[in-house]
Amino acid sequence: MEGKHVVESMMLGAKICEFSSGTLWRGWSLLRRSAAFLVEYMKEQEYASLDDFRGLGVQYMMPADLIDWGVGRVAAAVDAGKCTGCGICCHNLCWAMSLDGDGDIASCSEELCGACGLCVAVCPENAVTLEAAAHTRTEQQIYAALADAEERALQA
């Protein structure tokens, strides 16, 4: 979470932004930095109040069922040069992401990746992107592979 995310949320209609996870990752100073960003943004855009830009982005939204999410055609890819091995994209977040044996670099199991983009959103180093998958999979194949992985994990 950063100040720009507050602006993005407000442009989509938010009247409140929660910072609980952000403060855990970035510390309490995140609140001060986000407020300062918001004030500066409003000055630059010549907005007198929050209501001047709240909801402006809604006109560009479309129903989720009309979006082609690329499921089966794209998968997460990790830039080993940027990845610090923090594991945020892996631990309790995604079955497809894991750290290598040394815990140095994250990687994605394309077979399990549903292209949700959550790993991209949470990576503090911007090391994860969604790219064309090496092998196209159907949504059913992905779900079956995830069910198998979960079953193996429960038996371990």
C-alpha atoms as a PDB file:
ATOM      1  CA  MET A   1       0.000   0.000   0.000  1.00  0.00           C
ATOM      2  CA  GLU A   2       1.249   3.424  -0.957  1.00  0.00           C
ATOM      3  CA  GLY A   3      -0.313   6.844  -1.335  1.00  0.00           C
ATOM      4  CA  LYS A   4      -1.079   6.233  -4.998  1.00  0.00           C
ATOM      5  CA  HIS A   5      -3.202   3.241  -3.969  1.00  0.00           C
ATOM      6  CA  VAL A   6      -5.355   5.552  -1.835  1.00  0.00           C
ATOM      7  CA  VAL A   7      -5.987   7.737  -4.888  1.00  0.00           C
ATOM      8  CA  GLU A   8      -6.752   4.673  -7.042  1.00  0.00           C
ATOM      9  CA  SER A   9      -9.198   3.341  -4.447  1.00  0.00           C
ATOM     10  CA  MET A  10     -10.924   6.690  -4.145  1.00  0.00           C
ATOM     11  CA  MET A  11     -11.205   7.012  -7.909  1.00  0.00           C
ATOM     12  CA  LEU A  12     -13.106   3.735  -7.780  1.00  0.00           C
ATOM     13  CA  GLY A  13     -15.467   5.195  -5.185  1.00  0.00           C
ATOM     14  CA  ALA A  14     -13.863   4.380  -1.826  1.00  0.00           C
ATOM     15  CA  LYS A  15     -14.732   6.641   1.086  1.00  0.00           C
ATOM     16  CA  ILE A  16     -12.280   4.896   3.401  1.00  0.00           C
ATOM     17  CA  CYS A  17      -8.991   3.058   2.898  1.00  0.00           C
ATOM     18  CA  GLU A  18      -7.732   0.459   5.337  1.00  0.00           C
ATOM     19  CA  PHE A  19      -4.029   0.355   6.147  1.00  0.00           C
ATOM     20  CA  SER A  20      -3.695  -2.630   8.488  1.00  0.00           C
ATOM     21  CA  SER A  21      -1.634  -4.819   6.129  1.00  0.00           C
ATOM     22  CA  GLY A  22       0.230  -1.833   4.737  1.00  0.00           C
ATOM     23  CA  THR A  23       1.376  -0.709   8.168  1.00  0.00           C
ATOM     24  CA  LEU A  24       2.614  -4.210   8.935  1.00  0.00           C
ATOM     25  CA  TRP A  25       4.759  -4.183   5.797  1.00  0.00           C
ATOM     26  CA  ARG A  26       5.762  -0.534   5.640  1.00  0.00           C
ATOM     27  CA  GLY A  27       5.420   0.720   9.235  1.00  0.00           C
ATOM     28  CA  TRP A  28       3.250   3.413  10.790  1.00  0.00           C
ATOM     29  CA  SER A  29       4.949   6.132   8.760  1.00  0.00           C
ATOM     30  CA  LEU A  30       2.918   4.813   5.812  1.00  0.00           C
ATOM     31  CA  LEU A  31      -0.045   6.803   7.135  1.00  0.00           C
ATOM     32  CA  ARG A  32       1.898  10.080   7.156  1.00  0.00           C
ATOM     33  CA  ARG A  33       3.427   9.409   3.729  1.00  0.00           C
ATOM     34  CA  SER A  34       0.051   8.484   2.224  1.00  0.00           C
ATOM     35  CA  ALA A  35      -1.625  11.614   3.617  1.00  0.00           C
ATOM     36  CA  ALA A  36       1.207  13.779   2.250  1.00  0.00           C
ATOM     37  CA  PHE A  37       0.916  12.065  -1.156  1.00  0.00           C
ATOM     38  CA  LEU A  38      -2.836  12.689  -1.188  1.00  0.00           C
ATOM     39  CA  VAL A  39      -2.423  16.385  -0.341  1.00  0.00           C
ATOM     40  CA  GLU A  40       0.238  16.831  -3.049  1.00  0.00           C
ATOM     41  CA  TYR A  41      -1.850  14.920  -5.614  1.00  0.00           C
ATOM     42  CA  MET A  42      -4.864  17.127  -4.911  1.00  0.00           C
ATOM     43  CA  LYS A  43      -2.753  20.278  -5.330  1.00  0.00           C
ATOM     44  CA  GLU A  44      -1.249  19.049  -8.615  1.00  0.00           C
ATOM     45  CA  GLN A  45      -4.668  18.098 -10.023  1.00  0.00           C
ATOM     46  CA  GLU A  46      -6.310  21.214  -8.584  1.00  0.00           C
ATOM     47  CA  TYR A  47      -8.892  19.257  -6.606  1.00  0.00           C
ATOM     48  CA  ALA A  48     -10.442  21.241  -3.761  1.00  0.00           C
ATOM     49  CA  SER A  49     -12.007  18.239  -2.036  1.00  0.00           C
ATOM     50  CA  LEU A  50     -11.952  14.458  -2.068  1.00  0.00           C
ATOM     51  CA  ASP A  51     -15.367  14.459  -3.700  1.00  0.00           C
ATOM     52  CA  ASP A  52     -13.833  16.163  -6.752  1.00  0.00           C
ATOM     53  CA  PHE A  53     -12.205  12.893  -7.825  1.00  0.00           C
ATOM     54  CA  ARG A  54     -13.961  10.174  -5.836  1.00  0.00           C
ATOM     55  CA  GLY A  55     -15.584   7.752  -8.289  1.00  0.00           C
ATOM     56  CA  LEU A  56     -14.050   9.197 -11.476  1.00  0.00           C
ATOM     57  CA  GLY A  57     -12.651   5.795 -12.469  1.00  0.00           C
ATOM     58  CA  VAL A  58     -15.943   3.904 -12.212  1.00  0.00           C
ATOM     59  CA  GLN A  59     -16.876   4.815 -15.781  1.00  0.00           C
ATOM     60  CA  TYR A  60     -13.914   2.753 -17.016  1.00  0.00           C
ATOM     61  CA  MET A  61     -14.868  -0.417 -15.141  1.00  0.00           C
ATOM     62  CA  MET A  62     -16.649  -3.396 -16.654  1.00  0.00           C
ATOM     63  CA  PRO A  63     -18.266  -6.482 -15.140  1.00  0.00           C
ATOM     64  CA  ALA A  64     -15.703  -9.142 -14.225  1.00  0.00           C
ATOM     65  CA  ASP A  65     -17.456 -11.790 -16.328  1.00  0.00           C
ATOM     66  CA  LEU A  66     -16.747  -9.717 -19.457  1.00  0.00           C
ATOM     67  CA  ILE A  67     -12.993  -9.542 -18.843  1.00  0.00           C
ATOM     68  CA  ASP A  68     -10.629 -11.984 -20.523  1.00  0.00           C
ATOM     69  CA  TRP A  69      -8.312 -12.770 -17.617  1.00  0.00           C
ATOM     70  CA  GLY A  70      -5.979 -14.903 -19.735  1.00  0.00           C
ATOM     71  CA  VAL A  71      -6.471 -17.950 -17.496  1.00  0.00           C
ATOM     72  CA  GLY A  72      -4.470 -20.806 -18.963  1.00  0.00           C
ATOM     73  CA  ARG A  73      -2.641 -18.547 -21.421  1.00  0.00           C
ATOM     74  CA  VAL A  74      -0.596 -16.498 -18.955  1.00  0.00           C
ATOM     75  CA  ALA A  75       1.258 -17.373 -15.768  1.00  0.00           C
ATOM     76  CA  ALA A  76       3.398 -15.661 -13.174  1.00  0.00           C
ATOM     77  CA  ALA A  77       7.067 -15.215 -14.001  1.00  0.00           C
ATOM     78  CA  VAL A  78       9.761 -14.179 -11.531  1.00  0.00           C
ATOM     79  CA  ASP A  79      12.706 -11.942 -12.417  1.00  0.00           C
ATOM     80  CA  ALA A  80      15.514 -13.642 -10.473  1.00  0.00           C
ATOM     81  CA  GLY A  81      17.536 -10.430 -10.604  1.00  0.00           C
ATOM     82  CA  LYS A  82      14.865  -8.536  -8.660  1.00  0.00           C
ATOM     83  CA  CYS A  83      13.569 -11.295  -6.348  1.00  0.00           C
ATOM     84  CA  THR A  84      14.955 -11.102  -2.808  1.00  0.00           C
ATOM     85  CA  GLY A  85      13.373 -14.350  -1.620  1.00  0.00           C
ATOM     86  CA  CYS A  86      11.131 -12.598   0.933  1.00  0.00           C
ATOM     87  CA  GLY A  87       8.423 -15.192   0.244  1.00  0.00           C
ATOM     88  CA  ILE A  88       5.478 -12.790   0.455  1.00  0.00           C
ATOM     89  CA  CYS A  89       4.166 -14.164  -2.842  1.00  0.00           C
ATOM     90  CA  CYS A  90       4.443 -17.727  -1.565  1.00  0.00           C
ATOM     91  CA  HIS A  91       3.562 -18.288   2.063  1.00  0.00           C
ATOM     92  CA  ASN A  92      -0.155 -18.959   2.515  1.00  0.00           C
ATOM     93  CA  LEU A  93      -0.940 -16.919  -0.578  1.00  0.00           C
ATOM     94  CA  CYS A  94      -0.638 -19.125  -3.652  1.00  0.00           C
ATOM     95  CA  TRP A  95      -0.205 -22.824  -4.362  1.00  0.00           C
ATOM     96  CA  ALA A  96       1.672 -22.001  -7.582  1.00  0.00           C
ATOM     97  CA  MET A  97       4.429 -19.911  -5.998  1.00  0.00           C
ATOM     98  CA  SER A  98       7.299 -21.365  -3.966  1.00  0.00           C
ATOM     99  CA  LEU A  99      10.828 -20.536  -2.913  1.00  0.00           C
ATOM    100  CA  ASP A 100      13.718 -22.548  -4.315  1.00  0.00           C
ATOM    101  CA  GLY A 101      15.512 -25.055  -2.102  1.00  0.00           C
ATOM    102  CA  ASP A 102      17.790 -22.392  -0.655  1.00  0.00           C
ATOM    103  CA  GLY A 103      14.893 -19.975  -0.121  1.00  0.00           C
ATOM    104  CA  ASP A 104      16.623 -17.382  -2.287  1.00  0.00           C
ATOM    105  CA  ILE A 105      14.270 -16.953  -5.239  1.00  0.00           C
ATOM    106  CA  ALA A 106      10.552 -17.479  -5.830  1.00  0.00           C
ATOM    107  CA  SER A 107       9.296 -19.474  -8.785  1.00  0.00           C
ATOM    108  CA  CYS A 108       5.909 -20.307 -10.251  1.00  0.00           C
ATOM    109  CA  SER A 109       4.522 -23.709 -11.151  1.00  0.00           C
ATOM    110  CA  GLU A 110       2.798 -22.838 -14.414  1.00  0.00           C
ATOM    111  CA  GLU A 111       0.608 -25.943 -14.051  1.00  0.00           C
ATOM    112  CA  LEU A 112      -0.958 -24.471 -10.889  1.00  0.00           C
ATOM    113  CA  CYS A 113      -1.073 -20.793 -11.872  1.00  0.00           C
ATOM    114  CA  GLY A 114      -4.543 -19.367 -12.410  1.00  0.00           C
ATOM    115  CA  ALA A 115      -3.160 -15.956 -13.447  1.00  0.00           C
ATOM    116  CA  CYS A 116      -4.991 -14.117 -10.648  1.00  0.00           C
ATOM    117  CA  GLY A 117      -2.097 -11.645 -10.336  1.00  0.00           C
ATOM    118  CA  LEU A 118      -2.098 -11.579  -6.532  1.00  0.00           C
ATOM    119  CA  CYS A 119       1.624 -12.420  -6.488  1.00  0.00           C
ATOM    120  CA  VAL A 120       2.242  -9.469  -8.813  1.00  0.00           C
ATOM    121  CA  ALA A 121       0.261  -7.163  -6.533  1.00  0.00           C
ATOM    122  CA  VAL A 122       2.039  -8.118  -3.297  1.00  0.00           C
ATOM    123  CA  CYS A 123       5.652  -8.332  -4.508  1.00  0.00           C
ATOM    124  CA  PRO A 124       7.520  -5.428  -2.865  1.00  0.00           C
ATOM    125  CA  GLU A 125      10.360  -5.685  -5.412  1.00  0.00           C
ATOM    126  CA  ASN A 126       8.151  -5.757  -8.547  1.00  0.00           C
ATOM    127  CA  ALA A 127       9.882  -9.024  -9.426  1.00  0.00           C
ATOM    128  CA  VAL A 128       6.730 -10.888 -10.489  1.00  0.00           C
ATOM    129  CA  THR A 129       4.850 -10.308 -13.735  1.00  0.00           C
ATOM    130  CA  LEU A 130       2.228 -12.172 -15.738  1.00  0.00           C
ATOM    131  CA  GLU A 131       3.607 -13.412 -19.049  1.00  0.00           C
ATOM    132  CA  ALA A 132       2.606 -15.771 -21.830  1.00  0.00           C
ATOM    133  CA  ALA A 133       2.511 -19.346 -20.561  1.00  0.00           C
ATOM    134  CA  ALA A 134       4.801 -21.912 -22.169  1.00  0.00           C
ATOM    135  CA  HIS A 135       1.894 -24.382 -22.309  1.00  0.00           C
ATOM    136  CA  THR A 136      -1.769 -23.460 -22.659  1.00  0.00           C
ATOM    137  CA  ARG A 137      -4.047 -25.010 -20.044  1.00  0.00           C
ATOM    138  CA  THR A 138      -7.790 -25.022 -19.571  1.00  0.00           C
ATOM    139  CA  GLU A 139      -9.371 -23.682 -16.416  1.00  0.00           C
ATOM    140  CA  GLN A 140     -10.454 -27.248 -15.584  1.00  0.00           C
ATOM    141  CA  GLN A 141      -6.862 -28.504 -15.893  1.00  0.00           C
ATOM    142  CA  ILE A 142      -5.651 -25.773 -13.536  1.00  0.00           C
ATOM    143  CA  TYR A 143      -8.363 -26.562 -10.969  1.00  0.00           C
ATOM    144  CA  ALA A 144      -7.591 -30.294 -11.167  1.00  0.00           C
ATOM    145  CA  ALA A 145      -3.875 -29.638 -10.655  1.00  0.00           C
ATOM    146  CA  LEU A 146      -4.657 -27.377  -7.681  1.00  0.00           C
ATOM    147  CA  ALA A 147      -6.899 -30.042  -6.140  1.00  0.00           C
ATOM    148  CA  ASP A 148      -4.109 -32.612  -6.546  1.00  0.00           C
ATOM    149  CA  ALA A 149      -1.552 -30.260  -4.956  1.00  0.00           C
ATOM    150  CA  GLU A 150      -3.861 -29.575  -2.034  1.00  0.00           C
ATOM    151  CA  GLU A 151      -4.490 -33.285  -1.508  1.00  0.00           C
ATOM    152  CA  ARG A 152      -0.738 -34.002  -1.522  1.00  0.00           C
ATOM    153  CA  ALA A 153      -0.160 -31.191   0.978  1.00  0.00           C
ATOM    154  CA  LEU A 154      -2.875 -32.498   3.307  1.00  0.00           C
ATOM    155  CA  GLN A 155      -1.360 -35.989   3.218  1.00  0.00           C
ATOM    156  CA  ALA A 156       2.135 -34.719   4.006  1.00  0.00           C
END
